[in-house]
Amino acid sequence: MKHKINSIGLGSMQNIIILVMMFLLLTWASNLMAKSELSKMRIGQQEDKTRVVFDLKGLNTYKVSQLSNPSRLVVDFYKTKNQLSFKNKFITDSRLFKVRVSNNKKRIRIVLDLHKHGSHNVFILPKNKAGFERLVVDLQELQKNAEKRTSVAKKSVLTKKSNSKKSQIKLASATTSITKKTVQKNAKKGLKVNDATKSLLNKDSAVLTKPKALVVAIDAGHGGKDMGATGYNKIQEKQVTLSMAKELKRLIDRQPGMRAVLTRDKDIFIPLKKRIEIAKKKNADIFISIHADAFHDHSVRGGSVYVLSQGGASSVMARLLAKSENASLQSVKLKGREDDVAFALSDLTREANIRSSRKLAKTVLGEMQKKVKMHKHSVQSAGFAVLKSIDMPSLLIETAFISNPHEARNLKSKRFQRKMASAIVGGLTKFVKNNAQKPRWGETLYVHYKVQRGDTLSQIAENHQVSTKALKKLNNIKNANELYVGKKVKIPLSEQVVATL
């Protein structure tokens, strides 16, 4: 009898241990499967949209809902750990004014409070080098003509992360309804834009592509109590940069489709923060800071073109120059942003700006080389504060060495100022002409298409609205024989195509 009781007790204990272990195992597995992580949230302000980027380690189910009265966009992340360091954040933006964060056991809720009702696009970017998948939300104003023909009431879109190998991108639009069946059908056909969407785009093309004058902000370096460098015969940098800036503005204003604004038009001290505010208030598309170089060796001469460096400075002189300019200009903090890493300027936007800045710099440098003496024949990079704090394509031009007697006299010469300004304007107009149809901001999106039986390169290109030449170059395809069933082809998507999917 005693042995029987012990046997029952032992069996019960074994059952309890098994149940506990199963519970712990299920809990561990549930946590392992559930916990994606929302690490960062970034905002990039652009002329035609505001881009909100969520950086996630693993992406589970999410839902995007647009609500009205008041206007707001709600983004829910399920089974996701919240690593954001704020709950409420006010934003200085024409579309978005506040972000609210709340979370419970089931989900994280991000509420984007909007100034007024608008449209939005949602898509996923694959993992970057840092290991983050990115959910991107683009906020846009509604076009007046489009409002009459499209419904802006958007139902909640509940989406699970796709396991599709053919397409690594998901897109959703406030003005375009896409069923799961349609997406699958389009994925097989190469995401071809349907005729109805094409028709709507054609009707609204005048609204969507309305020309706008390119605004160039010209920042005459130094001013007032900040004299900058003092050169030969006591020539001051603040004086020659102002004269050069005025001449540059005069020539830009003569160009069709372009106009210039000055951050200062007289000899006054303007803090860096104020210079940036002026450029943004004037809706500048490009920022050019004008300076005159100086060096202890008075024989050194020539101009240089600088862009913001993503890494270190391109030369010892670039590093010394950046240190000197930053000290005189003072540092700046963008209120409500740099105090929180989650609201630093969008990495996507900054990287895109640096790429655009480098393209612009190369073009301007090429024109300057034709007309004036250059110190450096390649684009230089350094950590200039004035370039770090600007969220638009920007350059810093060292026009000449004020420490060189010959160039100091040139800097005061109207003839030299006109020649230098003419070269810069030549570079600007050439850049605008070559990039008129290209988006200035954001990141190029790609899909990876798996070649199927019967596909031709020209057919794939047509379906994705891209040239055969571009596909060949991007995928290093030299002839059609290199195309075979199962081959993955990387295909770029323009923002116009993305918006219609």
Protein backbone atom coordinates (compact mmCIF):
# COMPACT_ATOMS: atom_id res chain seq x y z
CA MET A 1 0.00 0.00 0.00
CA LYS A 2 2.77 2.35 0.93
CA HIS A 3 4.63 1.45 -2.28
CA LYS A 4 1.49 2.20 -4.34
CA ILE A 5 1.10 5.67 -2.82
CA ASN A 6 4.72 6.48 -3.58
CA SER A 7 4.23 5.25 -7.15
CA ILE A 8 1.22 7.50 -7.65
CA GLY A 9 3.08 10.42 -6.08
CA LEU A 10 6.07 9.88 -8.34
CA GLY A 11 3.86 9.67 -11.43
CA SER A 12 2.07 12.88 -10.49
CA MET A 13 5.39 14.64 -9.92
CA GLN A 14 6.62 13.52 -13.35
CA ASN A 15 3.44 14.85 -14.96
CA ILE A 16 3.83 18.19 -13.20
CA ILE A 17 7.47 18.47 -14.30
CA ILE A 18 6.49 17.64 -17.89
CA LEU A 19 3.69 20.23 -17.84
CA VAL A 20 6.02 22.90 -16.42
CA MET A 21 8.65 22.12 -19.02
CA MET A 22 6.07 22.24 -21.81
CA PHE A 23 4.79 25.58 -20.51
CA LEU A 24 8.29 27.03 -20.34
CA LEU A 25 9.11 25.66 -23.79
CA LEU A 26 5.93 27.13 -25.29
CA THR A 27 6.56 30.47 -23.58
CA TRP A 28 10.14 30.52 -24.86
CA ALA A 29 9.06 29.55 -28.38
CA SER A 30 6.27 32.13 -28.31
CA ASN A 31 8.67 34.86 -27.26
CA LEU A 32 11.21 33.72 -29.84
CA MET A 33 8.62 33.84 -32.63
CA ALA A 34 6.86 36.94 -31.40
CA LYS A 35 9.47 39.46 -30.59
CA SER A 36 10.41 41.57 -33.47
CA GLU A 37 11.88 44.87 -32.28
CA LEU A 38 11.06 48.45 -33.22
CA SER A 39 14.49 50.03 -32.78
CA LYS A 40 14.24 53.47 -34.34
CA MET A 41 11.83 55.88 -35.98
CA ARG A 42 13.16 58.49 -38.40
CA ILE A 43 11.54 61.38 -40.22
CA GLY A 44 12.71 63.03 -43.44
CA GLN A 45 11.07 66.21 -44.70
CA GLN A 46 10.84 66.63 -48.45
CA GLU A 47 9.16 69.06 -50.80
CA ASP A 48 6.48 66.65 -52.03
CA LYS A 49 6.20 64.36 -49.02
CA THR A 50 7.17 63.62 -45.44
CA ARG A 51 8.88 60.25 -45.07
CA VAL A 52 8.52 58.29 -41.82
CA VAL A 53 10.81 55.26 -41.50
CA PHE A 54 10.49 52.53 -38.87
CA ASP A 55 13.66 50.44 -38.35
CA LEU A 56 12.82 46.92 -37.17
CA LYS A 57 14.80 43.83 -36.23
CA GLY A 58 12.42 41.30 -37.73
CA LEU A 59 9.01 42.41 -38.99
CA ASN A 60 5.84 40.66 -37.86
CA THR A 61 2.23 41.59 -38.61
CA TYR A 62 1.47 45.29 -38.88
CA LYS A 63 -1.60 47.39 -39.67
CA VAL A 64 -1.93 50.88 -41.13
CA SER A 65 -5.20 52.81 -40.71
CA GLN A 66 -6.13 56.33 -41.76
CA LEU A 67 -8.66 58.13 -39.56
CA SER A 68 -10.34 61.52 -39.71
CA ASN A 69 -11.79 64.12 -37.34
CA PRO A 70 -9.02 64.74 -36.41
CA SER A 71 -6.81 63.57 -39.28
CA ARG A 72 -4.30 60.94 -38.22
CA LEU A 73 -2.54 57.84 -39.44
CA VAL A 74 -2.30 54.87 -37.06
CA VAL A 75 0.44 52.26 -37.42
CA ASP A 76 0.12 49.13 -35.27
CA PHE A 77 2.97 46.63 -34.84
CA TYR A 78 1.95 43.28 -33.35
CA LYS A 79 4.24 41.00 -31.32
CA THR A 80 6.90 43.68 -31.35
CA LYS A 81 9.14 45.03 -28.61
CA ASN A 82 9.20 48.82 -28.29
CA GLN A 83 12.69 50.35 -28.09
CA LEU A 84 11.69 53.95 -28.85
CA SER A 85 12.77 56.42 -26.18
CA PHE A 86 9.77 58.75 -26.30
CA LYS A 87 5.98 58.71 -25.95
CA ASN A 88 5.03 62.08 -27.41
CA LYS A 89 6.95 64.22 -29.87
CA PHE A 90 6.01 67.48 -31.59
CA ILE A 91 7.28 67.85 -35.16
CA THR A 92 7.89 70.98 -37.21
CA ASP A 93 6.50 69.86 -40.57
CA SER A 94 3.83 70.99 -43.04
CA ARG A 95 2.05 67.61 -42.94
CA LEU A 96 2.87 66.04 -39.57
CA PHE A 97 2.77 67.90 -36.25
CA LYS A 98 2.89 65.21 -33.56
CA VAL A 99 3.82 61.57 -32.97
CA ARG A 100 2.29 59.54 -30.12
CA VAL A 101 3.49 56.13 -28.99
CA SER A 102 1.63 53.65 -26.79
CA ASN A 103 1.98 49.93 -26.26
CA ASN A 104 0.36 46.99 -24.51
CA LYS A 105 0.98 43.24 -24.44
CA LYS A 106 -0.40 42.73 -27.95
CA ARG A 107 0.91 45.66 -29.98
CA ILE A 108 2.73 48.96 -30.29
CA ARG A 109 0.59 51.80 -31.60
CA ILE A 110 2.15 54.80 -33.36
CA VAL A 111 -0.25 57.68 -34.04
CA LEU A 112 0.85 60.28 -36.58
CA ASP A 113 -1.22 63.42 -36.01
CA LEU A 114 -1.65 65.29 -39.30
CA HIS A 115 -2.42 68.92 -40.09
CA LYS A 116 -5.01 67.84 -42.65
CA HIS A 117 -6.29 64.79 -44.47
CA GLY A 118 -3.96 63.50 -47.19
CA SER A 119 -2.75 60.40 -48.98
CA HIS A 120 -0.04 57.99 -47.99
CA ASN A 121 2.10 55.20 -49.45
CA VAL A 122 3.40 52.31 -47.38
CA PHE A 123 6.18 49.93 -48.43
CA ILE A 124 8.90 47.71 -47.01
CA LEU A 125 12.60 47.95 -47.72
CA PRO A 126 14.67 44.78 -47.23
CA LYS A 127 17.38 44.47 -44.61
CA ASN A 128 20.15 47.04 -44.78
CA LYS A 129 23.76 46.54 -43.70
CA ALA A 130 22.78 47.24 -40.09
CA GLY A 131 20.29 44.36 -40.19
CA PHE A 132 17.15 46.53 -40.07
CA GLU A 133 14.07 45.92 -42.17
CA ARG A 134 12.35 49.25 -42.80
CA LEU A 135 8.67 50.02 -42.97
CA VAL A 136 8.37 53.30 -44.85
CA VAL A 137 5.33 55.60 -44.74
CA ASP A 138 5.22 58.54 -47.16
CA LEU A 139 2.73 61.28 -46.23
CA GLN A 140 1.51 63.47 -49.10
CA GLU A 141 -1.06 66.17 -49.77
CA LEU A 142 -4.05 65.33 -51.94
CA GLN A 143 -4.06 66.81 -55.44
CA LYS A 144 -7.21 68.86 -56.03
CA ASN A 145 -8.11 67.17 -59.31
CA ALA A 146 -7.38 63.74 -57.92
CA GLU A 147 -9.73 64.38 -54.98
CA LYS A 148 -12.70 64.56 -57.33
CA ARG A 149 -12.02 61.15 -58.83
CA THR A 150 -10.63 59.11 -55.96
CA SER A 151 -11.85 58.17 -52.54
CA VAL A 152 -9.62 59.14 -49.65
CA ALA A 153 -11.38 57.04 -47.05
CA LYS A 154 -8.94 54.22 -46.45
CA LYS A 155 -9.83 50.95 -44.79
CA SER A 156 -7.34 49.35 -42.42
CA VAL A 157 -4.73 47.32 -44.24
CA LEU A 158 -3.67 44.27 -42.24
CA THR A 159 -0.50 42.82 -43.66
CA LYS A 160 1.76 39.94 -42.73
CA LYS A 161 5.36 39.90 -43.76
CA SER A 162 5.62 38.30 -47.18
CA ASN A 163 7.67 35.17 -47.74
CA SER A 164 7.61 35.68 -51.50
CA LYS A 165 10.97 35.20 -53.17
CA LYS A 166 9.89 36.88 -56.39
CA SER A 167 9.19 40.29 -54.97
CA GLN A 168 10.79 41.75 -51.85
CA ILE A 169 8.64 44.85 -51.69
CA LYS A 170 5.13 45.58 -50.38
CA LEU A 171 3.30 48.73 -51.20
CA ALA A 172 -0.03 50.23 -50.14
CA SER A 173 -1.64 53.51 -51.18
CA ALA A 174 -4.35 55.68 -49.66
CA THR A 175 -5.82 56.35 -53.11
CA THR A 176 -5.37 52.91 -54.67
CA SER A 177 -7.15 49.77 -53.55
CA ILE A 178 -5.18 46.55 -54.14
CA THR A 179 -6.51 43.10 -53.34
CA LYS A 180 -4.25 40.20 -52.46
CA LYS A 181 -5.24 38.51 -55.71
CA THR A 182 -4.29 41.58 -57.75
CA VAL A 183 -0.88 41.81 -56.08
CA GLN A 184 -0.17 38.13 -56.77
CA LYS A 185 -1.29 38.53 -60.38
CA ASN A 186 0.86 41.61 -60.86
CA ALA A 187 3.85 39.94 -59.21
CA LYS A 188 3.69 37.15 -61.80
CA LYS A 189 3.44 39.66 -64.63
CA GLY A 190 6.23 41.79 -63.26
CA LEU A 191 4.04 44.31 -61.35
CA LYS A 192 2.78 45.94 -64.56
CA VAL A 193 0.77 49.10 -63.95
CA ASN A 194 -2.87 48.61 -64.93
CA ASP A 195 -4.56 50.70 -67.62
CA ALA A 196 -6.96 52.38 -65.19
CA THR A 197 -4.08 53.66 -63.11
CA LYS A 198 -2.25 54.84 -66.23
CA SER A 199 -5.37 56.70 -67.32
CA LEU A 200 -5.72 58.42 -63.96
CA LEU A 201 -2.05 59.40 -63.98
CA ASN A 202 -2.35 60.82 -67.49
CA LYS A 203 -5.38 62.91 -66.51
CA ASP A 204 -3.60 64.30 -63.49
CA SER A 205 -0.17 64.62 -65.07
CA ALA A 206 -0.48 68.40 -65.32
CA VAL A 207 -1.11 68.56 -61.57
CA LEU A 208 1.51 66.01 -60.53
CA THR A 209 4.31 67.46 -62.65
CA LYS A 210 3.58 71.16 -62.33
CA PRO A 211 6.91 72.93 -62.93
CA LYS A 212 8.44 74.80 -60.01
CA ALA A 213 11.33 77.22 -60.07
CA LEU A 214 14.48 75.75 -58.58
CA VAL A 215 15.37 77.82 -55.50
CA VAL A 216 19.07 78.12 -54.69
CA ALA A 217 20.02 79.42 -51.24
CA ILE A 218 23.35 81.25 -51.36
CA ASP A 219 25.12 81.56 -48.03
CA ALA A 220 27.83 84.23 -47.98
CA GLY A 221 30.27 82.90 -45.38
CA HIS A 222 30.91 84.80 -42.13
CA GLY A 223 29.75 88.43 -41.64
CA GLY A 224 29.59 91.12 -38.94
CA LYS A 225 31.77 90.28 -35.95
CA ASP A 226 32.79 87.02 -37.66
CA MET A 227 35.31 88.32 -40.22
CA GLY A 228 36.52 84.92 -41.40
CA ALA A 229 40.05 84.81 -42.78
CA THR A 230 42.07 88.00 -43.30
CA GLY A 231 44.24 87.88 -46.38
CA TYR A 232 46.75 89.90 -48.34
CA ASN A 233 46.47 93.67 -47.86
CA LYS A 234 43.98 93.06 -44.99
CA ILE A 235 41.23 91.84 -47.32
CA GLN A 236 38.49 90.22 -45.23
CA GLU A 237 36.74 87.00 -46.21
CA LYS A 238 33.32 88.26 -45.05
CA GLN A 239 33.49 91.09 -47.64
CA VAL A 240 34.53 89.09 -50.69
CA THR A 241 32.06 86.27 -49.98
CA LEU A 242 29.18 88.76 -49.85
CA SER A 243 30.20 90.35 -53.16
CA MET A 244 30.53 86.92 -54.76
CA ALA A 245 27.15 85.80 -53.39
CA LYS A 246 25.40 88.87 -54.82
CA GLU A 247 26.95 88.30 -58.26
CA LEU A 248 25.96 84.63 -58.14
CA LYS A 249 22.38 85.58 -57.25
CA ARG A 250 22.24 88.06 -60.14
CA LEU A 251 23.25 85.40 -62.66
CA ILE A 252 20.99 82.68 -61.22
CA ASP A 253 17.97 85.01 -61.34
CA ARG A 254 18.58 85.44 -65.08
CA GLN A 255 18.21 81.69 -65.69
CA PRO A 256 14.75 80.40 -66.71
CA GLY A 257 13.20 78.19 -64.03
CA MET A 258 15.71 79.22 -61.36
CA ARG A 259 15.91 81.87 -58.66
CA ALA A 260 18.26 82.59 -55.79
CA VAL A 261 17.87 83.77 -52.20
CA LEU A 262 20.61 85.13 -49.93
CA THR A 263 21.05 84.17 -46.29
CA ARG A 264 22.56 87.64 -45.78
CA ASP A 265 22.64 90.68 -48.09
CA LYS A 266 24.76 92.96 -45.89
CA ASP A 267 27.63 92.85 -43.42
CA ILE A 268 25.87 91.32 -40.42
CA PHE A 269 26.54 88.32 -38.23
CA ILE A 270 24.00 85.53 -38.72
CA PRO A 271 24.30 82.39 -36.56
CA LEU A 272 24.36 79.09 -38.37
CA LYS A 273 20.92 78.14 -37.08
CA LYS A 274 19.42 81.31 -38.57
CA ARG A 275 21.10 80.71 -41.95
CA ILE A 276 19.48 77.30 -42.11
CA GLU A 277 16.08 78.69 -41.10
CA ILE A 278 16.28 81.30 -43.86
CA ALA A 279 17.04 78.64 -46.49
CA LYS A 280 14.16 76.44 -45.33
CA LYS A 281 11.73 79.34 -45.01
CA LYS A 282 12.50 80.31 -48.62
CA ASN A 283 11.80 76.70 -49.70
CA ALA A 284 15.32 76.27 -51.04
CA ASP A 285 16.08 73.16 -53.10
CA ILE A 286 19.87 73.57 -53.07
CA PHE A 287 22.20 75.23 -50.55
CA ILE A 288 25.55 76.73 -51.59
CA SER A 289 27.91 78.21 -49.01
CA ILE A 290 30.53 80.61 -50.43
CA HIS A 291 33.93 80.96 -48.74
CA ALA A 292 37.52 81.99 -49.43
CA ASP A 293 40.33 79.67 -48.40
CA ALA A 294 43.48 80.54 -46.42
CA PHE A 295 46.75 78.74 -45.72
CA HIS A 296 50.09 79.59 -44.08
CA ASP A 297 51.87 78.91 -47.39
CA HIS A 298 50.97 82.01 -49.42
CA SER A 299 51.87 80.34 -52.72
CA VAL A 300 48.93 77.91 -52.48
CA ARG A 301 46.11 78.93 -54.81
CA GLY A 302 42.92 77.76 -56.52
CA GLY A 303 39.32 76.86 -55.69
CA SER A 304 37.81 73.71 -54.18
CA VAL A 305 34.34 72.18 -53.95
CA TYR A 306 33.26 70.36 -50.78
CA VAL A 307 30.37 68.12 -49.78
CA LEU A 308 29.47 66.60 -46.42
CA SER A 309 31.60 63.60 -45.56
CA GLN A 310 29.97 60.30 -44.53
CA GLY A 311 33.27 59.22 -43.02
CA GLY A 312 36.50 61.10 -42.48
CA ALA A 313 37.77 64.17 -44.30
CA SER A 314 39.24 63.63 -47.77
CA SER A 315 42.52 65.35 -46.84
CA VAL A 316 44.41 66.92 -43.95
CA MET A 317 43.61 70.37 -45.34
CA ALA A 318 39.91 69.47 -45.56
CA ARG A 319 39.93 68.46 -41.89
CA LEU A 320 41.72 71.65 -40.81
CA LEU A 321 39.41 73.79 -42.92
CA ALA A 322 36.28 72.16 -41.50
CA LYS A 323 37.58 72.68 -37.96
CA SER A 324 38.23 76.37 -38.70
CA GLU A 325 34.87 77.02 -40.36
CA ASN A 326 32.90 75.14 -37.70
CA ALA A 327 34.54 77.16 -34.94
CA SER A 328 33.55 80.45 -36.54
CA LEU A 329 30.07 79.42 -37.56
CA GLN A 330 29.23 77.76 -34.23
CA SER A 331 27.43 74.46 -33.90
CA VAL A 332 23.68 74.10 -34.15
CA LYS A 333 21.03 71.81 -32.76
CA LEU A 334 17.75 71.25 -34.56
CA LYS A 335 15.22 71.70 -31.78
CA GLY A 336 13.32 68.57 -30.91
CA ARG A 337 15.48 66.38 -33.14
CA GLU A 338 19.12 66.01 -32.21
CA ASP A 339 18.20 65.57 -28.54
CA ASP A 340 16.77 62.20 -29.48
CA VAL A 341 18.42 59.69 -31.77
CA ALA A 342 14.99 58.47 -32.83
CA PHE A 343 14.34 61.82 -34.46
CA ALA A 344 17.66 62.49 -36.15
CA LEU A 345 17.20 63.46 -39.77
CA SER A 346 16.28 60.41 -41.82
CA ASP A 347 19.33 58.36 -42.75
CA LEU A 348 17.68 57.65 -46.08
CA THR A 349 17.24 61.33 -46.77
CA ARG A 350 20.74 62.25 -45.60
CA GLU A 351 22.39 59.54 -47.69
CA ALA A 352 20.30 60.59 -50.70
CA ASN A 353 21.26 64.22 -50.12
CA ILE A 354 24.96 63.36 -49.99
CA ARG A 355 24.63 61.41 -53.23
CA SER A 356 22.80 64.32 -54.86
CA SER A 357 25.31 66.78 -53.42
CA ARG A 358 28.20 64.79 -54.85
CA LYS A 359 26.57 64.69 -58.31
CA LEU A 360 25.98 68.44 -58.17
CA ALA A 361 29.52 69.04 -56.88
CA LYS A 362 31.07 67.06 -59.74
CA THR A 363 29.07 69.03 -62.29
CA VAL A 364 29.91 72.41 -60.73
CA LEU A 365 33.57 71.42 -60.36
CA GLY A 366 33.68 70.44 -64.03
CA GLU A 367 32.45 73.89 -65.09
CA MET A 368 34.76 75.70 -62.66
CA GLN A 369 37.79 73.87 -64.07
CA LYS A 370 37.02 75.37 -67.48
CA LYS A 371 37.06 78.97 -66.24
CA VAL A 372 39.10 79.39 -63.05
CA LYS A 373 42.20 77.98 -61.37
CA MET A 374 41.42 74.98 -59.14
CA HIS A 375 43.37 73.83 -56.10
CA LYS A 376 41.70 70.41 -56.00
CA HIS A 377 40.50 68.72 -59.20
CA SER A 378 38.18 66.29 -57.43
CA VAL A 379 35.26 66.81 -55.06
CA GLN A 380 36.48 67.10 -51.46
CA SER A 381 34.60 66.00 -48.35
CA ALA A 382 34.71 67.17 -44.74
CA GLY A 383 32.44 67.50 -41.72
CA PHE A 384 31.31 71.10 -42.17
CA ALA A 385 28.65 72.03 -39.62
CA VAL A 386 26.77 74.13 -42.17
CA LEU A 387 26.41 71.09 -44.43
CA LYS A 388 25.60 68.65 -41.60
CA SER A 389 22.63 70.72 -40.51
CA ILE A 390 21.04 71.15 -43.93
CA ASP A 391 18.57 68.51 -45.13
CA MET A 392 18.88 69.36 -48.84
CA PRO A 393 21.61 68.88 -51.46
CA SER A 394 24.37 71.28 -50.44
CA LEU A 395 27.89 72.41 -51.34
CA LEU A 396 30.60 74.53 -49.79
CA ILE A 397 32.74 76.32 -52.37
CA GLU A 398 36.14 77.74 -51.50
CA THR A 399 36.45 80.21 -54.38
CA ALA A 400 40.18 81.00 -54.05
CA PHE A 401 42.95 81.49 -51.47
CA ILE A 402 42.63 84.89 -49.81
CA SER A 403 46.11 84.28 -48.36
CA ASN A 404 47.60 84.32 -51.87
CA PRO A 405 48.36 87.94 -53.00
CA HIS A 406 47.30 87.36 -56.61
CA GLU A 407 44.08 85.57 -55.69
CA ALA A 408 43.25 88.11 -52.97
CA ARG A 409 43.21 90.80 -55.68
CA ASN A 410 41.11 88.50 -57.87
CA LEU A 411 38.55 88.03 -55.11
CA LYS A 412 37.96 91.80 -55.04
CA SER A 413 37.78 91.99 -58.84
CA LYS A 414 34.32 92.21 -60.44
CA ARG A 415 35.69 90.37 -63.47
CA PHE A 416 36.82 87.37 -61.39
CA GLN A 417 33.60 87.36 -59.37
CA ARG A 418 31.58 87.27 -62.61
CA LYS A 419 33.76 84.47 -64.02
CA MET A 420 33.43 82.38 -60.84
CA ALA A 421 29.67 82.95 -60.56
CA SER A 422 29.23 82.08 -64.24
CA ALA A 423 31.04 78.77 -63.74
CA ILE A 424 28.87 77.87 -60.73
CA VAL A 425 25.67 78.75 -62.61
CA GLY A 426 26.85 76.66 -65.56
CA GLY A 427 27.21 73.68 -63.25
CA LEU A 428 23.80 74.28 -61.69
CA THR A 429 21.96 74.49 -65.02
CA LYS A 430 23.73 71.39 -66.33
CA PHE A 431 22.87 69.46 -63.17
CA VAL A 432 19.21 70.49 -63.33
CA LYS A 433 18.99 69.52 -67.00
CA ASN A 434 20.50 66.07 -66.38
CA ASN A 435 18.40 65.35 -63.29
CA ALA A 436 15.09 67.05 -64.13
CA GLN A 437 13.10 63.80 -64.23
CA LYS A 438 14.88 62.12 -61.33
CA PRO A 439 13.52 62.30 -57.76
CA ARG A 440 15.74 64.55 -55.65
CA TRP A 441 15.02 62.73 -52.44
CA GLY A 442 14.61 59.25 -51.01
CA GLU A 443 16.02 55.88 -51.90
CA THR A 444 15.77 53.92 -55.15
CA LEU A 445 13.54 50.90 -54.62
CA TYR A 446 14.14 47.53 -56.26
CA VAL A 447 12.30 44.27 -56.83
CA HIS A 448 14.03 40.99 -57.56
CA TYR A 449 12.16 39.27 -60.38
CA LYS A 450 12.69 35.56 -61.09
CA VAL A 451 12.80 34.89 -64.84
CA GLN A 452 10.06 32.52 -66.03
CA ARG A 453 9.68 30.43 -69.16
CA GLY A 454 8.93 32.59 -72.19
CA ASP A 455 10.26 35.82 -70.65
CA THR A 456 12.40 38.16 -72.71
CA LEU A 457 14.52 41.00 -71.38
CA SER A 458 12.58 43.58 -73.40
CA GLN A 459 9.27 42.23 -72.06
CA ILE A 460 10.48 42.37 -68.45
CA ALA A 461 11.73 45.92 -69.03
CA GLU A 462 8.40 47.01 -70.55
CA ASN A 463 6.40 45.46 -67.70
CA HIS A 464 8.43 47.41 -65.15
CA GLN A 465 8.60 50.63 -67.18
CA VAL A 466 12.38 50.61 -67.36
CA SER A 467 14.73 50.52 -70.35
CA THR A 468 16.38 47.31 -71.52
CA LYS A 469 19.70 49.14 -71.43
CA ALA A 470 19.21 50.01 -67.74
CA LEU A 471 18.41 46.37 -66.88
CA LYS A 472 21.49 45.13 -68.73
CA LYS A 473 23.74 47.62 -66.96
CA LEU A 474 22.29 46.99 -63.49
CA ASN A 475 22.50 43.19 -63.82
CA ASN A 476 25.71 43.07 -65.86
CA ILE A 477 23.94 41.30 -68.74
CA LYS A 478 25.87 41.54 -72.01
CA ASN A 479 23.54 39.54 -74.27
CA ALA A 480 20.10 37.91 -74.20
CA ASN A 481 21.61 34.40 -73.92
CA GLU A 482 22.52 35.17 -70.31
CA LEU A 483 18.81 35.23 -69.43
CA TYR A 484 17.60 31.83 -68.21
CA VAL A 485 14.63 30.44 -66.28
CA GLY A 486 15.12 31.00 -62.55
CA LYS A 487 17.65 33.83 -62.91
CA LYS A 488 16.95 36.70 -60.51
CA VAL A 489 16.92 40.11 -62.15
CA LYS A 490 17.25 43.26 -60.04
CA ILE A 491 14.80 45.91 -61.28
CA PRO A 492 14.64 49.57 -60.18
CA LEU A 493 11.23 51.10 -59.47
CA SER A 494 10.68 54.80 -60.01
CA GLU A 495 8.67 56.71 -57.38
CA GLN A 496 5.95 57.25 -59.99
CA VAL A 497 5.55 53.49 -60.49
CA VAL A 498 5.75 52.80 -56.75
CA ALA A 499 2.88 55.22 -56.12
CA THR A 500 0.62 53.32 -58.53
CA LEU A 501 1.18 49.80 -57.23
